[in-house]
Amino acid sequence: MYNIMKDSIAAPRSLLKYRNKSGWFVFFYLFVLSLAVSIGNIIYYVKMPSPEVVNSTETGCTILNNEISCTGDQYDITQEYTLYGYPVFFMDGDDSVEMIGAMPDQTLVFQGTWMHLYLGSESIQSLDLSPIMALKDFNGTILYLANIILVMSLILSFLGNVVMLLFVTLISTVPFLRLKRFISYKKIFKLVLFAITPFAILMTFYNLIGFPDIVLFVLMFVAYRSVLILQRELYFQTMQHFGAQGPIPPFGGTQPTEEDVSEPEEIERSDTEPKDDSEED
């Protein structure tokens, strides 16, 4: 895996020797790239204020008869708290949400035995906290829910990065489709995924440092260099092996007929490179 990362940055032409990597290896490589891009999100959530600051003493709320009761001197229905990026408000049993006033998007409101998720002023989802409150006090309940929010946020962030890398890979394979007649799309996809490693590294540092968008835009051209070099090398290798059958048409052009090439075959380089999945990374 280290060799693939190194070649994708320094020698994209050498990525061709990894064309026979197994599907499981490609899946694991995508997992590693997505995890690297998610490092910035992990640090972002770790640096957030501890959920322990939202406690019974600060909020004036406690759990009484298995439901939230806010009668302490510190209780203020308009006071906003935060749990891993989510604005949080607490209401006593007789209070109404209108007393809070204007709320941010995606706000959590605790009242009675329920936690409500508000989108603006509209409740879109509710969760009954009775099973948790039966086992934990107010501080323990808030900490338990905060840990769930943290885990779900990290999972959604990771899945979002997986989708982003897959989308970039799929879009980057479009110029390669004119070679699909000679090279299977499966091999094209895995080679392009290896070639977008510089893009994944760029997004990792972008999430960590947060440099200006104009700098990101410029660096994307540099990161995309590996894909362009891979495209040129694949075209060159295809011309080398199938040049006798005429030039490869540009993407969108007319494909050769069966009379031109009766039995298309995949590119197989006649060198000493290993072709099985057991080669060293």
Protein backbone atom coordinates (compact mmCIF):
# COMPACT_ATOMS: atom_id res chain seq x y z
CA MET A 1 0.00 0.00 0.00
CA TYR A 2 2.86 2.36 0.76
CA ASN A 3 4.31 1.70 -2.71
CA ILE A 4 0.99 2.57 -4.34
CA MET A 5 0.79 5.84 -2.43
CA LYS A 6 4.38 6.65 -3.31
CA ASP A 7 3.95 5.83 -7.00
CA SER A 8 0.68 7.72 -7.26
CA ILE A 9 2.54 10.87 -6.21
CA ALA A 10 6.02 10.42 -7.69
CA ALA A 11 5.58 7.95 -10.57
CA PRO A 12 1.93 7.61 -11.73
CA ARG A 13 3.06 5.59 -14.78
CA SER A 14 4.07 2.78 -12.42
CA LEU A 15 0.49 2.36 -11.22
CA LEU A 16 -0.11 -0.02 -14.13
CA LYS A 17 1.72 -2.79 -12.30
CA TYR A 18 -1.00 -2.75 -9.61
CA ARG A 19 -3.81 -3.38 -12.10
CA ASN A 20 -4.36 -6.95 -10.83
CA LYS A 21 -4.95 -6.04 -7.20
CA SER A 22 -7.99 -7.77 -5.76
CA GLY A 23 -11.31 -6.11 -5.10
CA TRP A 24 -10.85 -6.51 -1.35
CA PHE A 25 -7.54 -4.66 -1.54
CA VAL A 26 -9.17 -1.83 -3.51
CA PHE A 27 -11.96 -1.63 -0.91
CA PHE A 28 -9.42 -1.47 1.92
CA TYR A 29 -7.42 1.18 0.05
CA LEU A 30 -10.57 3.30 -0.29
CA PHE A 31 -11.20 2.79 3.43
CA VAL A 32 -7.69 4.03 4.30
CA LEU A 33 -7.98 7.08 2.04
CA SER A 34 -11.38 7.96 3.54
CA LEU A 35 -10.02 7.53 7.06
CA ALA A 36 -7.11 9.86 6.24
CA VAL A 37 -9.47 12.53 4.89
CA SER A 38 -11.57 12.16 8.07
CA ILE A 39 -8.66 12.95 10.42
CA GLY A 40 -9.55 16.63 10.35
CA ASN A 41 -13.14 15.87 11.36
CA ILE A 42 -11.95 13.65 14.20
CA ILE A 43 -9.70 16.40 15.56
CA TYR A 44 -12.53 18.93 15.14
CA TYR A 45 -14.88 16.92 17.37
CA VAL A 46 -12.17 16.02 19.89
CA LYS A 47 -11.33 19.72 20.37
CA MET A 48 -14.96 20.62 21.08
CA PRO A 49 -15.97 21.42 24.68
CA SER A 50 -16.54 18.35 26.81
CA PRO A 51 -20.21 17.39 27.15
CA GLU A 52 -19.63 17.21 30.92
CA VAL A 53 -20.04 21.02 31.07
CA VAL A 54 -23.74 20.47 30.35
CA ASN A 55 -24.67 19.22 33.80
CA SER A 56 -27.29 19.58 36.50
CA THR A 57 -25.46 22.43 38.23
CA GLU A 58 -25.12 24.57 35.10
CA THR A 59 -28.60 23.96 33.70
CA GLY A 60 -30.66 23.86 36.89
CA CYS A 61 -32.25 20.63 35.64
CA THR A 62 -32.39 17.18 37.14
CA ILE A 63 -34.26 13.91 36.65
CA LEU A 64 -37.27 13.58 38.91
CA ASN A 65 -39.71 10.66 38.60
CA ASN A 66 -37.91 9.51 35.44
CA GLU A 67 -38.34 12.82 33.60
CA ILE A 68 -36.44 16.08 33.26
CA SER A 69 -37.41 18.70 35.83
CA CYS A 70 -35.92 22.19 35.51
CA THR A 71 -36.64 24.14 38.69
CA GLY A 72 -33.15 25.16 39.85
CA ASP A 73 -31.95 28.75 40.22
CA GLN A 74 -29.69 28.36 37.15
CA TYR A 75 -32.54 27.36 34.87
CA ASP A 76 -33.08 29.68 31.93
CA ILE A 77 -35.17 28.38 29.05
CA THR A 78 -33.42 30.70 26.59
CA GLN A 79 -29.93 29.54 27.61
CA GLU A 80 -28.25 27.68 24.74
CA TYR A 81 -25.83 24.83 25.39
CA THR A 82 -23.80 22.76 22.91
CA LEU A 83 -23.25 19.03 22.47
CA TYR A 84 -20.69 18.34 19.73
CA GLY A 85 -21.91 21.13 17.49
CA TYR A 86 -25.63 20.73 18.20
CA PRO A 87 -27.37 23.64 20.00
CA VAL A 88 -29.25 22.33 23.03
CA PHE A 89 -32.11 23.79 25.10
CA PHE A 90 -33.88 22.44 28.19
CA MET A 91 -37.54 22.98 29.01
CA ASP A 92 -39.53 22.21 32.12
CA GLY A 93 -42.72 20.21 31.75
CA ASP A 94 -45.06 23.22 31.56
CA ASP A 95 -42.92 25.30 29.20
CA SER A 96 -43.55 25.70 25.47
CA VAL A 97 -41.00 25.87 22.68
CA GLU A 98 -42.22 29.34 21.73
CA MET A 99 -40.65 30.63 24.95
CA ILE A 100 -37.19 29.83 23.57
CA GLY A 101 -37.59 32.21 20.64
CA ALA A 102 -35.70 31.84 17.38
CA MET A 103 -33.64 28.64 17.35
CA PRO A 104 -30.70 27.64 15.16
CA ASP A 105 -31.12 24.89 12.58
CA GLN A 106 -30.86 21.31 13.87
CA THR A 107 -31.51 22.09 17.53
CA LEU A 108 -31.96 19.53 20.29
CA VAL A 109 -34.67 20.31 22.87
CA PHE A 110 -35.04 18.24 26.05
CA GLN A 111 -38.40 18.18 27.81
CA GLY A 112 -40.00 15.61 30.08
CA THR A 113 -38.90 12.18 28.87
CA TRP A 114 -38.27 13.29 25.29
CA MET A 115 -35.45 14.67 23.20
CA HIS A 116 -36.76 16.55 20.15
CA LEU A 117 -34.77 17.40 17.04
CA TYR A 118 -35.93 20.71 15.61
CA LEU A 119 -35.23 21.99 12.12
CA GLY A 120 -35.82 25.69 12.61
CA SER A 121 -39.07 25.88 14.56
CA GLU A 122 -40.43 22.51 13.43
CA SER A 123 -39.88 19.25 15.29
CA ILE A 124 -38.84 16.57 12.79
CA GLN A 125 -37.93 13.71 15.12
CA SER A 126 -38.37 12.72 18.78
CA LEU A 127 -36.65 10.15 20.99
CA ASP A 128 -38.06 8.71 24.20
CA LEU A 129 -35.37 8.82 26.89
CA SER A 130 -37.30 6.88 29.53
CA PRO A 131 -35.14 3.70 29.30
CA ILE A 132 -31.97 5.76 29.77
CA MET A 133 -33.37 7.93 32.57
CA ALA A 134 -34.41 4.80 34.46
CA LEU A 135 -30.74 3.82 34.72
CA LYS A 136 -28.85 7.12 34.86
CA ASP A 137 -29.06 10.53 36.52
CA PHE A 138 -29.23 13.79 34.58
CA ASN A 139 -25.47 14.10 34.08
CA GLY A 140 -25.15 10.45 33.05
CA THR A 141 -28.04 10.75 30.58
CA ILE A 142 -26.54 13.82 28.88
CA LEU A 143 -23.09 12.21 28.70
CA TYR A 144 -24.57 9.00 27.25
CA LEU A 145 -26.44 10.93 24.54
CA ALA A 146 -23.38 13.06 23.79
CA ASN A 147 -21.31 9.95 23.14
CA ILE A 148 -23.97 8.69 20.72
CA ILE A 149 -23.96 12.05 18.91
CA LEU A 150 -20.17 11.95 18.68
CA VAL A 151 -20.07 8.42 17.24
CA MET A 152 -22.86 9.12 14.74
CA SER A 153 -21.23 12.38 13.64
CA LEU A 154 -17.90 10.64 13.03
CA ILE A 155 -19.57 7.80 11.12
CA LEU A 156 -21.54 10.21 8.92
CA SER A 157 -18.42 12.26 8.30
CA PHE A 158 -16.48 9.14 7.28
CA LEU A 159 -19.26 7.92 4.98
CA GLY A 160 -19.45 11.38 3.43
CA ASN A 161 -15.74 11.19 2.60
CA VAL A 162 -16.19 7.71 1.12
CA VAL A 163 -18.93 9.04 -1.16
CA MET A 164 -16.80 12.04 -2.12
CA LEU A 165 -13.80 9.88 -3.12
CA LEU A 166 -16.02 7.47 -5.03
CA PHE A 167 -17.65 10.38 -6.87
CA VAL A 168 -14.27 11.89 -7.79
CA THR A 169 -13.06 8.47 -8.96
CA LEU A 170 -16.15 7.84 -11.09
CA ILE A 171 -15.96 11.30 -12.69
CA SER A 172 -12.24 10.82 -13.35
CA THR A 173 -12.88 7.56 -15.21
CA VAL A 174 -14.94 9.33 -17.90
CA PRO A 175 -11.92 10.20 -20.13
CA PHE A 176 -10.83 6.55 -19.89
CA LEU A 177 -14.05 5.18 -21.35
CA ARG A 178 -12.67 5.30 -24.89
CA LEU A 179 -10.26 2.55 -23.71
CA LYS A 180 -13.02 0.41 -22.23
CA ARG A 181 -13.06 -1.68 -25.40
CA PHE A 182 -9.52 -2.84 -24.61
CA ILE A 183 -9.35 -2.58 -20.82
CA SER A 184 -12.11 -3.67 -18.45
CA TYR A 185 -13.80 -0.88 -16.52
CA LYS A 186 -12.97 -2.73 -13.29
CA LYS A 187 -9.25 -2.27 -13.91
CA ILE A 188 -9.73 1.33 -15.03
CA PHE A 189 -11.64 2.09 -11.85
CA LYS A 190 -9.02 0.63 -9.50
CA LEU A 191 -6.15 2.39 -11.31
CA VAL A 192 -7.97 5.73 -11.18
CA LEU A 193 -8.73 5.20 -7.49
CA PHE A 194 -5.01 4.70 -6.88
CA ALA A 195 -4.28 7.80 -8.97
CA ILE A 196 -6.51 10.11 -6.89
CA THR A 197 -4.34 9.50 -3.81
CA PRO A 198 -2.78 13.02 -4.14
CA PHE A 199 -6.30 14.47 -4.14
CA ALA A 200 -7.14 12.55 -0.95
CA ILE A 201 -3.93 13.80 0.69
CA LEU A 202 -4.79 17.35 -0.37
CA MET A 203 -8.25 17.07 1.21
CA THR A 204 -6.67 15.66 4.38
CA PHE A 205 -4.49 18.74 4.82
CA TYR A 206 -7.36 21.02 3.80
CA ASN A 207 -9.51 19.61 6.61
CA LEU A 208 -6.60 19.92 9.06
CA ILE A 209 -5.31 23.38 8.15
CA GLY A 210 -8.28 24.99 6.44
CA PHE A 211 -6.31 27.06 3.92
CA PRO A 212 -8.24 29.44 1.59
CA ASP A 213 -10.49 27.94 -1.06
CA ILE A 214 -8.55 29.63 -3.87
CA VAL A 215 -5.41 27.79 -2.71
CA LEU A 216 -7.38 24.53 -2.65
CA PHE A 217 -8.62 25.20 -6.18
CA VAL A 218 -5.06 25.75 -7.47
CA LEU A 219 -3.65 22.72 -5.66
CA MET A 220 -6.38 20.52 -7.12
CA PHE A 221 -4.82 20.95 -10.55
CA VAL A 222 -1.52 19.73 -9.13
CA ALA A 223 -3.21 16.80 -7.34
CA TYR A 224 -5.01 15.79 -10.54
CA ARG A 225 -1.69 15.45 -12.37
CA SER A 226 -1.49 11.73 -11.49
CA VAL A 227 -4.80 10.99 -13.22
CA LEU A 228 -3.69 12.82 -16.37
CA ILE A 229 -0.38 10.98 -16.49
CA LEU A 230 -2.13 7.65 -15.93
CA GLN A 231 -4.53 8.43 -18.78
CA ARG A 232 -1.66 9.22 -21.12
CA GLU A 233 0.24 6.06 -20.13
CA LEU A 234 -2.78 3.82 -20.61
CA TYR A 235 -3.42 5.34 -24.02
CA PHE A 236 0.25 4.84 -24.96
CA GLN A 237 0.24 1.20 -23.83
CA THR A 238 -3.00 0.58 -25.71
CA MET A 239 -1.57 2.09 -28.89
CA GLN A 240 1.54 -0.05 -28.47
CA HIS A 241 -0.47 -3.27 -28.25
CA PHE A 242 -3.26 -2.47 -30.69
CA GLY A 243 -1.67 0.08 -33.01
CA ALA A 244 -1.79 -2.35 -35.90
CA GLN A 245 -5.58 -2.29 -35.69
CA GLY A 246 -5.81 1.45 -36.24
CA PRO A 247 -5.92 4.45 -33.90
CA ILE A 248 -8.20 4.52 -30.90
CA PRO A 249 -11.07 6.93 -31.55
CA PRO A 250 -11.53 9.89 -29.19
CA PHE A 251 -14.18 9.64 -26.50
CA GLY A 252 -17.54 10.00 -28.19
CA GLY A 253 -16.14 9.04 -31.60
CA THR A 254 -17.05 6.07 -33.76
CA GLN A 255 -15.83 2.77 -32.37
CA PRO A 256 -14.20 0.19 -34.67
CA THR A 257 -16.53 -2.51 -35.95
CA GLU A 258 -16.13 -6.23 -35.45
CA GLU A 259 -14.48 -6.41 -38.87
CA ASP A 260 -11.74 -4.06 -37.65
CA VAL A 261 -10.97 -6.05 -34.51
CA SER A 262 -12.60 -9.43 -34.34
CA GLU A 263 -11.52 -10.46 -30.83
CA PRO A 264 -10.55 -7.55 -28.53
CA GLU A 265 -8.34 -8.51 -25.66
CA GLU A 266 -7.08 -6.83 -22.53
CA ILE A 267 -3.69 -5.22 -22.25
CA GLU A 268 -1.14 -7.58 -20.77
CA ARG A 269 2.34 -6.17 -20.45
CA SER A 270 5.02 -8.73 -21.32
CA ASP A 271 7.44 -7.88 -18.58
CA THR A 272 8.49 -9.36 -15.30
CA GLU A 273 5.89 -7.60 -13.19
CA PRO A 274 3.86 -9.90 -10.93
CA LYS A 275 0.24 -10.34 -12.01
CA ASP A 276 -1.37 -12.01 -9.02
CA ASP A 277 -2.85 -10.49 -5.92
CA SER A 278 -0.15 -11.80 -3.67
CA GLU A 279 2.49 -9.26 -4.78
CA GLU A 280 4.04 -7.08 -2.16
CA ASP A 281 2.60 -3.65 -1.61
